[in-house]
Amino acid sequence: MKIRILASSDVHGYAMPYSYADNKPCNHGLLRLKSTIKAYRNENTLLIDNGDILQGSPLLTYYYEHQDEYENPMISCVNDIGYDYINIGNHDFNYGIKNLKNYLQNIKARCLTGNVFYKGECLGNEYVIHEFADGKRIALIGAVTHYISNWEKEENLKDVEVIEAFEFVKRTVEKIKREEETDGIVVVYHGGYERDLLTGSLTEADTGENEAYRMCKEIEGIDVLISGHQHRSFATFCLKVKTTQTACNGKELALIDYDLDKRAIEAALIPNDYPADKELEQKLSMIEEATQHWLDETCGEIVDYDLRIKDEFAARLKKHPLISFLNQIQKEAAHSDLSGNALFNDAVGFNQNISMRDIVSTYVYPNTIVVLRISGKILKEYLEKCAEYFAVEDQKIVVNKSYIYPKPQHFNYDMVDGVDYVIKVSNPPGERIISLKYQRSDVKDDDSFLLAINNYRASGGGNFLMFKDCEVVREIQDDMVNVIGNYLLKHPKVKVEHHDNIEVII
């Protein structure tokens, strides 16, 4: 018997087949994905989503501000498309356990996630045995990276326990092999690969955030591993395990054909270039129209600088006025001495007349602001970690390859306002900050500062572990999109306090 598995992952709330930044057509989103799925679905198909569906698009940003008026559009999409199973992703916690529970309770698909517990009750299933018409049976195991606890806001994880993913999968596979008769075991893991699939060499710090390679190597009995989280594109083998991962925002669909009699498995990635489904588009038309009106609202005017991003690398190599503006907003909201911000992947920047479209296309995460009391020693460690973003090749400054592969992580290079510093990229990591001054005086190890950064960074996200034991002075609970909007209400004509305070040299 041949079965087929179709899997999406990291859709991040994208339904519509266009970019919210400029409304130009894009081959992404659940409307197109519905048509792509329809083209490849047969009577022995399982349709699975691998998490990170509840955060990331302006559609969802608008929805979370108007929940009393609409059903969550992701519930509408998952039910309309007819998913059989879903897994939970780390970003699905970003708007709190109440929103996640509402999603799980209102979708028709079964939740596979077995390593997350709320008030002692599993949000999904330890495992599921799916039986086909001819009696063939496969086991499905769902897990999400346990590194959630390192990133997520404390209030969003109240009464939540996340079990270590590798140990959960290993224990569950062994239990299935011992107690069940199955024709195959499929792991759906919202996590990625920590090692190169061919060589086995580490591609990132081995923190436990991503454990897929270890699962393939050390757990006997896994036939298929559907991975996610890193937004990579592959359908291949990792050791003896067939594995897939899809790009973000519904740009492609993983297709796995599994002959249960011959134990033969083939996999491919299907580009999401089918026409958008009109029926589903109609179901979302009211909230989408309201979202578009909201995005076009003008919030303020920039009177001096051009805050549009034309070249992302140039904007990081020589700090762009947009970053100065974000730090300006953050410092005012937080009453801090220093502020750090990153230019997120694919940020578009702000037009002279700033609209909500500019804001949500530039600041795409629901981060809040955390104010930490840090020493001069911690500040230097922070900046040294940021300086690892750069490398030297052929006497030119370039992006360190580890920030591009296996997953683009440009969001892990922060630029800090309130101090002046020089990064010498040709120096070894840890020795690149050759000058660091606060109000024209050299920063000393025992100096004390109030630093405003986002909650992801404050919790150590991006391996900024120097902050883990720092005193939290205050937290601004509003997310940054609202903080930016409120700043513009207060200052409708903005003068950017741009400081050319970061020098990056070879």
Protein backbone atom coordinates (compact mmCIF):
# COMPACT_ATOMS: atom_id res chain seq x y z
CA MET A 1 0.00 0.00 0.00
CA LYS A 2 1.19 3.50 -0.88
CA ILE A 3 0.35 6.47 1.32
CA ARG A 4 1.06 10.14 0.80
CA ILE A 5 1.87 12.79 3.38
CA LEU A 6 1.53 16.47 2.52
CA ALA A 7 3.06 18.85 5.05
CA SER A 8 3.22 22.60 5.50
CA SER A 9 5.24 24.37 8.16
CA ASP A 10 6.00 27.89 9.40
CA VAL A 11 3.11 29.50 7.52
CA HIS A 12 3.26 32.42 9.99
CA GLY A 13 -0.28 33.60 9.43
CA TYR A 14 0.04 34.18 5.68
CA ALA A 15 -3.17 33.45 3.84
CA MET A 16 -3.31 35.93 0.96
CA PRO A 17 -1.30 35.48 -2.25
CA TYR A 18 0.48 38.84 -2.10
CA SER A 19 2.96 40.84 -0.06
CA TYR A 20 1.49 43.12 2.58
CA ALA A 21 4.40 45.52 2.08
CA ASP A 22 3.27 46.52 -1.43
CA ASN A 23 0.33 44.20 -2.33
CA LYS A 24 2.33 42.66 -5.19
CA PRO A 25 1.51 39.00 -6.05
CA CYS A 26 3.55 36.31 -4.28
CA ASN A 27 3.55 32.53 -4.52
CA HIS A 28 2.80 32.01 -0.86
CA GLY A 29 -0.06 31.76 1.61
CA LEU A 30 -2.85 29.36 2.48
CA LEU A 31 -5.18 30.41 -0.35
CA ARG A 32 -2.69 29.13 -2.92
CA LEU A 33 -1.73 26.24 -0.66
CA LYS A 34 -5.32 25.00 -0.66
CA SER A 35 -5.18 24.68 -4.46
CA THR A 36 -1.74 23.06 -4.37
CA ILE A 37 -2.93 20.53 -1.79
CA LYS A 38 -6.03 19.76 -3.85
CA ALA A 39 -3.85 18.99 -6.87
CA TYR A 40 -1.74 16.44 -4.98
CA ARG A 41 -4.16 14.94 -2.51
CA ASN A 42 -5.42 11.38 -3.03
CA GLU A 43 -7.54 8.96 -1.00
CA ASN A 44 -4.57 7.81 1.09
CA THR A 45 -3.22 11.26 1.93
CA LEU A 46 -2.52 12.69 5.37
CA LEU A 47 -2.35 16.48 5.52
CA ILE A 48 -0.23 17.89 8.34
CA ASP A 49 0.79 21.37 9.47
CA ASN A 50 3.99 21.56 11.50
CA GLY A 51 3.35 24.73 13.51
CA ASP A 52 4.15 28.44 13.68
CA ILE A 53 0.86 29.31 12.04
CA LEU A 54 -0.53 31.74 14.65
CA GLN A 55 1.98 34.61 14.32
CA GLY A 56 3.77 36.65 11.71
CA SER A 57 1.43 38.36 9.23
CA PRO A 58 -0.31 41.76 9.37
CA LEU A 59 -3.58 39.84 9.03
CA LEU A 60 -2.97 38.25 12.41
CA THR A 61 -1.60 41.45 13.94
CA TYR A 62 -4.93 43.07 13.06
CA TYR A 63 -6.92 40.06 14.24
CA TYR A 64 -5.33 40.02 17.70
CA GLU A 65 -6.34 43.67 18.15
CA HIS A 66 -9.96 42.89 17.12
CA GLN A 67 -10.57 39.37 18.42
CA ASP A 68 -14.12 40.12 19.53
CA GLU A 69 -15.15 40.90 15.95
CA TYR A 70 -13.74 37.96 13.98
CA GLU A 71 -12.88 34.29 14.13
CA ASN A 72 -9.17 33.61 13.99
CA PRO A 73 -8.49 33.43 10.22
CA MET A 74 -6.08 30.54 10.77
CA ILE A 75 -8.92 28.47 12.24
CA SER A 76 -10.97 29.24 9.13
CA CYS A 77 -8.10 28.20 6.86
CA VAL A 78 -7.13 25.00 8.66
CA ASN A 79 -10.73 23.80 8.75
CA ASP A 80 -11.52 24.83 5.19
CA ILE A 81 -8.43 23.17 3.74
CA GLY A 82 -9.12 20.04 5.76
CA TYR A 83 -5.93 19.39 7.69
CA ASP A 84 -5.88 16.00 9.40
CA TYR A 85 -3.19 16.76 11.97
CA ILE A 86 -1.32 19.77 13.30
CA ASN A 87 1.74 20.34 15.44
CA ILE A 88 2.45 23.37 17.64
CA GLY A 89 5.36 25.74 16.89
CA ASN A 90 7.24 28.04 19.25
CA HIS A 91 5.67 31.20 17.80
CA ASP A 92 2.21 29.80 18.42
CA PHE A 93 2.69 30.84 22.06
CA ASN A 94 3.43 34.50 21.19
CA TYR A 95 -0.09 35.75 21.88
CA GLY A 96 -0.62 33.67 24.99
CA ILE A 97 -1.95 30.27 25.96
CA LYS A 98 -5.58 31.47 25.74
CA ASN A 99 -5.21 32.15 22.00
CA LEU A 100 -3.39 28.88 21.44
CA LYS A 101 -6.08 26.94 23.31
CA ASN A 102 -8.80 28.70 21.29
CA TYR A 103 -7.08 27.56 18.10
CA LEU A 104 -6.72 23.97 19.28
CA GLN A 105 -10.32 23.77 20.48
CA ASN A 106 -11.84 25.12 17.25
CA ILE A 107 -9.91 23.30 14.56
CA LYS A 108 -11.07 19.91 13.35
CA ALA A 109 -7.54 18.56 12.96
CA ARG A 110 -6.00 16.54 15.79
CA CYS A 111 -3.03 18.01 17.61
CA LEU A 112 0.02 15.75 17.60
CA THR A 113 2.18 17.74 20.01
CA GLY A 114 3.04 15.41 22.87
CA ASN A 115 5.74 17.30 24.76
CA VAL A 116 3.69 20.34 25.86
CA PHE A 117 1.47 20.28 28.93
CA TYR A 118 -0.92 22.94 30.24
CA LYS A 119 -1.97 22.55 33.87
CA GLY A 120 -0.72 18.98 33.69
CA GLU A 121 -2.75 18.05 30.60
CA CYS A 122 -1.08 17.31 27.26
CA LEU A 123 -2.08 19.83 24.58
CA GLY A 124 -1.93 17.13 21.97
CA ASN A 125 -1.33 13.37 22.05
CA GLU A 126 1.58 11.26 23.21
CA TYR A 127 1.28 9.66 19.78
CA VAL A 128 -1.45 8.79 17.28
CA ILE A 129 -1.90 5.53 15.38
CA HIS A 130 -3.47 6.30 12.01
CA GLU A 131 -5.09 3.27 10.40
CA PHE A 132 -5.83 3.19 6.67
CA ALA A 133 -8.66 1.39 4.91
CA ASP A 134 -6.69 -1.81 4.27
CA GLY A 135 -5.53 -2.06 7.89
CA LYS A 136 -2.08 -0.58 7.44
CA ARG A 137 -1.07 1.51 10.47
CA ILE A 138 1.47 4.27 10.96
CA ALA A 139 2.44 6.03 14.19
CA LEU A 140 2.58 9.84 14.28
CA ILE A 141 4.59 11.67 16.94
CA GLY A 142 4.55 15.47 17.33
CA ALA A 143 7.04 17.59 19.26
CA VAL A 144 8.13 21.22 19.42
CA THR A 145 11.54 22.57 20.36
CA HIS A 146 11.72 22.86 24.13
CA TYR A 147 13.81 26.01 23.70
CA ILE A 148 10.50 27.90 23.84
CA SER A 149 11.17 28.39 27.53
CA ASN A 150 14.29 30.42 26.69
CA TRP A 151 12.43 32.91 24.49
CA GLU A 152 8.81 33.24 25.38
CA LYS A 153 7.40 35.81 27.79
CA GLU A 154 6.80 34.33 31.23
CA GLU A 155 3.10 35.18 31.26
CA ASN A 156 2.59 33.28 27.99
CA LEU A 157 3.96 30.11 29.57
CA LYS A 158 2.08 30.29 32.86
CA ASP A 159 1.10 26.74 33.85
CA VAL A 160 2.85 25.41 30.71
CA GLU A 161 5.50 22.68 30.83
CA VAL A 162 7.58 21.82 27.75
CA ILE A 163 9.34 18.45 27.91
CA GLU A 164 12.78 18.13 26.30
CA ALA A 165 12.05 17.19 22.66
CA PHE A 166 14.74 14.57 21.99
CA GLU A 167 14.03 12.61 25.17
CA PHE A 168 10.28 12.71 24.52
CA VAL A 169 10.64 11.45 20.93
CA LYS A 170 13.13 8.74 21.93
CA ARG A 171 10.94 7.48 24.77
CA THR A 172 7.83 7.54 22.59
CA VAL A 173 9.43 5.72 19.65
CA GLU A 174 10.65 3.02 22.01
CA LYS A 175 7.17 2.69 23.53
CA ILE A 176 5.54 2.37 20.09
CA LYS A 177 8.03 -0.30 19.03
CA ARG A 178 7.39 -2.17 22.25
CA GLU A 179 3.59 -1.89 22.48
CA GLU A 180 2.20 -1.29 18.99
CA GLU A 181 2.16 -3.03 15.64
CA THR A 182 2.83 -0.41 12.99
CA ASP A 183 4.02 -0.24 9.42
CA GLY A 184 5.99 2.97 9.96
CA ILE A 185 6.83 5.80 12.36
CA VAL A 186 6.61 9.46 11.35
CA VAL A 187 7.96 12.24 13.59
CA VAL A 188 6.59 15.77 13.08
CA TYR A 189 9.10 18.04 14.81
CA HIS A 190 8.87 21.81 15.03
CA GLY A 191 12.60 22.10 15.29
CA GLY A 192 15.46 21.95 12.85
CA TYR A 193 18.90 20.51 12.19
CA GLU A 194 21.87 21.38 14.35
CA ARG A 195 24.33 19.57 12.08
CA ASP A 196 25.05 19.33 8.37
CA LEU A 197 22.89 16.54 6.97
CA LEU A 198 25.76 15.08 4.91
CA THR A 199 28.86 15.56 7.07
CA GLY A 200 27.39 15.63 10.55
CA SER A 201 29.44 18.69 11.47
CA LEU A 202 27.82 21.27 13.75
CA THR A 203 26.28 24.22 11.92
CA GLU A 204 25.28 26.16 15.06
CA ALA A 205 25.79 26.20 18.81
CA ASP A 206 24.56 22.87 20.19
CA THR A 207 22.07 24.37 22.65
CA GLY A 208 19.19 21.93 22.20
CA GLU A 209 17.11 24.39 20.18
CA ASN A 210 17.41 22.10 17.16
CA GLU A 211 17.85 18.35 17.62
CA ALA A 212 16.72 16.74 14.37
CA TYR A 213 20.14 15.34 13.45
CA ARG A 214 20.50 13.78 16.88
CA MET A 215 17.03 12.23 16.52
CA CYS A 216 17.95 10.69 13.16
CA LYS A 217 21.26 9.38 14.47
CA GLU A 218 20.37 8.10 17.92
CA ILE A 219 16.72 7.01 17.74
CA GLU A 220 16.18 3.68 16.01
CA GLY A 221 12.88 3.24 14.19
CA ILE A 222 12.07 6.66 12.73
CA ASP A 223 11.15 6.34 9.05
CA VAL A 224 10.19 9.96 8.27
CA LEU A 225 11.07 13.17 10.10
CA ILE A 226 9.17 16.31 9.06
CA SER A 227 11.17 19.23 10.43
CA GLY A 228 10.55 22.97 10.61
CA HIS A 229 11.51 26.13 12.51
CA GLN A 230 14.55 27.04 10.39
CA HIS A 231 12.61 27.88 7.17
CA ARG A 232 14.99 25.83 5.02
CA SER A 233 14.01 23.94 1.85
CA PHE A 234 14.98 20.29 1.48
CA ALA A 235 13.58 16.81 0.87
CA THR A 236 16.36 14.31 1.36
CA PHE A 237 17.84 11.71 3.68
CA CYS A 238 19.49 12.36 7.00
CA LEU A 239 21.40 9.17 7.59
CA LYS A 240 18.67 6.52 7.05
CA VAL A 241 15.70 8.80 7.74
CA LYS A 242 13.75 10.54 4.99
CA THR A 243 13.35 14.16 6.04
CA THR A 244 11.82 17.40 4.79
CA GLN A 245 11.64 21.07 5.66
CA THR A 246 9.78 23.84 3.87
CA ALA A 247 10.37 27.55 3.44
CA CYS A 248 8.27 29.98 5.48
CA ASN A 249 4.92 31.67 4.75
CA GLY A 250 3.50 28.75 2.76
CA LYS A 251 5.89 29.09 -0.17
CA GLU A 252 6.03 25.34 -0.71
CA LEU A 253 4.57 22.03 0.36
CA ALA A 254 6.43 18.88 1.36
CA LEU A 255 5.24 15.72 -0.43
CA ILE A 256 6.22 12.32 0.94
CA ASP A 257 5.20 9.11 -0.86
CA TYR A 258 5.58 6.06 1.34
CA ASP A 259 5.18 2.48 0.07
CA LEU A 260 4.40 0.63 3.30
CA ASP A 261 4.83 -2.80 1.72
CA LYS A 262 8.21 -2.17 0.10
CA ARG A 263 9.38 0.26 2.82
CA ALA A 264 10.29 2.68 0.02
CA ILE A 265 10.02 6.43 0.67
CA GLU A 266 10.28 9.29 -1.79
CA ALA A 267 10.01 12.99 -0.99
CA ALA A 268 9.87 16.28 -2.87
CA LEU A 269 9.02 19.94 -2.35
CA ILE A 270 6.12 21.35 -4.36
CA PRO A 271 6.25 25.09 -5.15
CA ASN A 272 3.08 26.90 -4.13
CA ASP A 273 2.29 28.43 -7.51
CA TYR A 274 -1.31 27.29 -7.96
CA PRO A 275 -4.08 29.93 -8.23
CA ALA A 276 -5.56 31.17 -4.97
CA ASP A 277 -8.74 29.42 -3.89
CA LYS A 278 -11.67 31.80 -4.40
CA GLU A 279 -13.98 30.13 -1.87
CA LEU A 280 -11.49 30.51 0.97
CA GLU A 281 -10.69 34.04 -0.17
CA GLN A 282 -14.37 34.91 0.20
CA LYS A 283 -14.45 33.50 3.73
CA LEU A 284 -11.62 35.83 4.76
CA SER A 285 -12.78 38.85 2.77
CA MET A 286 -14.22 40.86 5.68
CA ILE A 287 -11.19 40.64 7.96
CA GLU A 288 -8.81 41.06 5.02
CA GLU A 289 -10.57 44.22 3.84
CA ALA A 290 -10.46 45.63 7.38
CA THR A 291 -6.76 44.73 7.61
CA GLN A 292 -5.99 46.57 4.37
CA HIS A 293 -7.82 49.70 5.58
CA TRP A 294 -5.87 49.56 8.85
CA LEU A 295 -2.56 49.12 7.01
CA ASP A 296 -3.19 52.24 4.94
CA GLU A 297 -3.77 54.44 7.98
CA THR A 298 -1.15 57.21 8.21
CA CYS A 299 0.44 57.42 11.65
CA GLY A 300 3.05 60.15 11.34
CA GLU A 301 5.57 61.99 9.19
CA ILE A 302 9.37 61.89 9.11
CA VAL A 303 10.67 65.40 8.48
CA ASP A 304 14.40 64.87 8.07
CA TYR A 305 15.75 61.37 7.18
CA ASP A 306 14.93 58.73 4.58
CA LEU A 307 13.98 55.65 6.60
CA ARG A 308 13.44 53.28 3.68
CA ILE A 309 15.75 50.27 3.44
CA LYS A 310 17.34 49.93 0.01
CA ASP A 311 20.29 47.68 0.93
CA GLU A 312 19.98 45.53 4.05
CA PHE A 313 23.69 44.76 4.41
CA ALA A 314 24.68 48.41 3.96
CA ALA A 315 22.08 49.34 6.60
CA ARG A 316 23.83 47.02 9.07
CA LEU A 317 27.41 47.77 8.08
CA LYS A 318 26.79 51.48 8.63
CA LYS A 319 23.93 51.89 11.07
CA HIS A 320 20.84 53.09 9.21
CA PRO A 321 18.75 56.01 10.57
CA LEU A 322 15.83 53.56 10.84
CA ILE A 323 17.65 51.78 13.67
CA SER A 324 18.37 55.10 15.36
CA PHE A 325 14.64 55.85 15.14
CA LEU A 326 13.63 52.49 16.64
CA ASN A 327 16.14 52.99 19.45
CA GLN A 328 14.87 56.53 19.93
CA ILE A 329 11.34 55.18 20.42
CA GLN A 330 12.51 52.37 22.67
CA LYS A 331 14.62 54.65 24.91
CA GLU A 332 11.74 57.06 25.42
CA ALA A 333 9.30 54.27 26.26
CA ALA A 334 11.76 52.55 28.59
CA HIS A 335 13.54 55.55 30.17
CA SER A 336 16.86 53.81 29.55
CA ASP A 337 20.46 54.88 29.01
CA LEU A 338 21.00 52.51 26.09
CA SER A 339 18.85 50.75 23.51
CA GLY A 340 19.56 47.88 21.15
CA ASN A 341 17.62 46.91 18.03
CA ALA A 342 18.13 44.71 15.00
CA LEU A 343 17.11 45.23 11.41
CA PHE A 344 14.89 42.20 10.84
CA ASN A 345 15.14 40.00 7.76
CA ASP A 346 13.52 41.66 4.72
CA ALA A 347 12.57 44.84 6.61
CA VAL A 348 11.30 47.54 4.23
CA GLY A 349 11.65 50.62 6.43
CA PHE A 350 9.35 53.64 6.68
CA ASN A 351 8.15 56.04 4.03
CA GLN A 352 8.11 59.76 4.78
CA ASN A 353 4.43 59.46 5.66
CA ILE A 354 4.49 56.42 7.91
CA SER A 355 1.59 53.99 7.60
CA MET A 356 0.73 50.94 9.66
CA ARG A 357 1.80 48.98 6.58
CA ASP A 358 5.32 50.35 7.03
CA ILE A 359 5.36 49.50 10.72
CA VAL A 360 4.14 45.90 10.52
CA SER A 361 6.32 45.18 7.47
CA THR A 362 9.40 46.40 9.33
CA TYR A 363 8.78 45.23 12.89
CA VAL A 364 7.29 41.80 12.30
CA TYR A 365 7.47 40.22 15.77
CA PRO A 366 5.15 40.82 18.76
CA ASN A 367 8.13 41.68 20.97
CA THR A 368 7.85 43.68 24.15
CA ILE A 369 10.55 45.86 25.74
CA VAL A 370 12.61 44.73 28.72
CA VAL A 371 14.90 47.09 30.67
CA LEU A 372 17.93 45.37 32.18
CA ARG A 373 20.52 46.75 34.57
CA ILE A 374 23.83 45.71 33.08
CA SER A 375 27.48 46.32 33.86
CA GLY A 376 30.11 47.64 31.49
CA LYS A 377 31.48 44.08 31.33
CA ILE A 378 28.11 42.68 30.22
CA LEU A 379 27.74 45.52 27.70
CA LYS A 380 31.04 44.60 26.09
CA GLU A 381 30.08 40.90 26.00
CA TYR A 382 26.82 41.91 24.30
CA LEU A 383 28.59 43.96 21.66
CA GLU A 384 31.19 41.25 21.10
CA LYS A 385 28.39 38.78 20.40
CA CYS A 386 26.83 41.25 17.95
CA ALA A 387 30.23 41.72 16.26
CA GLU A 388 30.30 38.00 15.36
CA TYR A 389 27.81 38.90 12.63
CA PHE A 390 30.65 40.09 10.39
CA ALA A 391 33.55 38.28 8.71
CA VAL A 392 36.37 39.23 6.35
CA GLU A 393 36.70 37.62 2.91
CA ASP A 394 39.10 38.84 0.22
CA GLN A 395 39.81 41.97 2.26
CA LYS A 396 36.13 42.85 2.37
CA ILE A 397 33.67 42.84 5.25
CA VAL A 398 30.86 40.34 4.65
CA VAL A 399 28.19 38.54 6.66
CA ASN A 400 29.45 35.62 8.71
CA LYS A 401 28.18 32.47 6.94
CA SER A 402 26.74 31.12 10.19
CA TYR A 403 24.20 33.98 10.08
CA ILE A 404 23.07 32.87 6.61
CA TYR A 405 23.21 29.07 6.82
CA PRO A 406 21.44 26.91 7.82
CA LYS A 407 18.94 29.68 8.65
CA PRO A 408 19.15 33.44 7.90
CA GLN A 409 19.60 35.12 11.29
CA HIS A 410 20.22 38.76 10.45
CA PHE A 411 17.85 39.59 13.32
CA ASN A 412 20.61 38.50 15.70
CA TYR A 413 22.81 41.50 14.90
CA ASP A 414 21.84 44.34 17.22
CA MET A 415 22.93 47.96 16.88
CA VAL A 416 23.10 49.89 20.14
CA ASP A 417 22.45 53.58 20.70
CA GLY A 418 23.76 55.50 23.71
CA VAL A 419 27.39 54.43 23.35
CA ASP A 420 30.05 54.87 20.66
CA TYR A 421 32.00 51.80 19.64
CA VAL A 422 34.34 50.39 17.01
CA ILE A 423 34.20 46.82 15.67
CA LYS A 424 37.45 45.50 14.14
CA VAL A 425 36.26 42.49 12.17
CA SER A 426 39.70 41.02 11.45
CA ASN A 427 40.26 40.51 15.17
CA PRO A 428 39.26 37.13 16.66
CA PRO A 429 35.70 36.82 17.99
CA GLY A 430 35.60 38.12 21.53
CA GLU A 431 38.30 40.69 20.82
CA ARG A 432 36.60 42.85 18.20
CA ILE A 433 35.34 45.79 20.27
CA ILE A 434 38.47 47.93 20.27
CA SER A 435 36.82 51.12 21.50
CA LEU A 436 33.73 51.57 23.68
CA LYS A 437 32.76 54.97 25.08
CA TYR A 438 29.81 56.34 27.02
CA GLN A 439 29.51 60.13 27.00
CA ARG A 440 33.09 60.32 25.62
CA SER A 441 34.59 58.27 28.46
CA ASP A 442 35.86 54.70 28.17
CA VAL A 443 33.37 52.18 29.53
CA LYS A 444 34.70 50.37 32.62
CA ASP A 445 33.71 46.85 33.66
CA ASP A 446 31.95 48.08 36.81
CA ASP A 447 29.98 50.87 35.11
CA SER A 448 26.19 50.49 35.37
CA PHE A 449 23.65 51.09 32.60
CA LEU A 450 19.95 50.61 31.93
CA LEU A 451 19.61 48.79 28.60
CA ALA A 452 16.34 48.50 26.67
CA ILE A 453 16.07 45.44 24.40
CA ASN A 454 13.27 43.16 23.25
CA ASN A 455 12.04 40.28 25.39
CA TYR A 456 13.50 37.67 23.00
CA ARG A 457 16.98 39.10 23.41
CA ALA A 458 16.60 39.70 27.15
CA SER A 459 15.77 36.02 27.67
CA GLY A 460 18.97 35.00 25.86
CA GLY A 461 17.44 34.54 22.38
CA GLY A 462 20.10 34.29 19.69
CA ASN A 463 22.52 32.84 22.28
CA PHE A 464 22.93 36.18 24.02
CA LEU A 465 23.37 34.30 27.27
CA MET A 466 25.12 37.19 29.04
CA PHE A 467 21.70 38.64 29.93
CA LYS A 468 20.32 35.59 31.73
CA ASP A 469 21.24 36.75 35.23
CA CYS A 470 20.83 40.51 34.76
CA GLU A 471 18.35 42.40 36.91
CA VAL A 472 15.07 43.18 35.16
CA VAL A 473 14.28 46.78 36.12
CA ARG A 474 11.00 47.09 34.24
CA GLU A 475 9.02 45.63 31.36
CA ILE A 476 6.87 47.47 28.83
CA GLN A 477 4.07 44.99 28.23
CA ASP A 478 2.76 46.58 25.01
CA ASP A 479 4.24 45.04 21.85
CA MET A 480 6.54 47.15 19.71
CA VAL A 481 4.01 47.75 16.91
CA ASN A 482 1.78 49.51 19.43
CA VAL A 483 4.74 51.26 21.05
CA ILE A 484 5.76 52.68 17.65
CA GLY A 485 2.16 53.67 16.88
CA ASN A 486 1.75 55.41 20.24
CA TYR A 487 5.03 57.29 19.76
CA LEU A 488 3.78 58.62 16.42
CA LEU A 489 0.49 59.70 17.99
CA LYS A 490 2.52 61.69 20.50
CA HIS A 491 5.02 62.97 17.89
CA PRO A 492 3.15 63.16 14.55
CA LYS A 493 6.05 65.06 12.93
CA VAL A 494 9.23 63.19 13.81
CA LYS A 495 12.81 64.36 13.87
CA VAL A 496 15.11 61.36 13.97
CA GLU A 497 17.95 61.54 16.48
CA HIS A 498 20.42 59.73 14.24
CA HIS A 499 23.89 59.07 15.64
CA ASP A 500 26.67 57.62 13.51
CA ASN A 501 28.03 55.89 16.60
CA ILE A 502 29.11 52.48 15.26
CA GLU A 503 32.25 52.08 13.17
CA VAL A 504 32.88 48.72 11.52
CA ILE A 505 36.41 48.32 10.14
CA ILE A 506 38.56 45.52 8.77
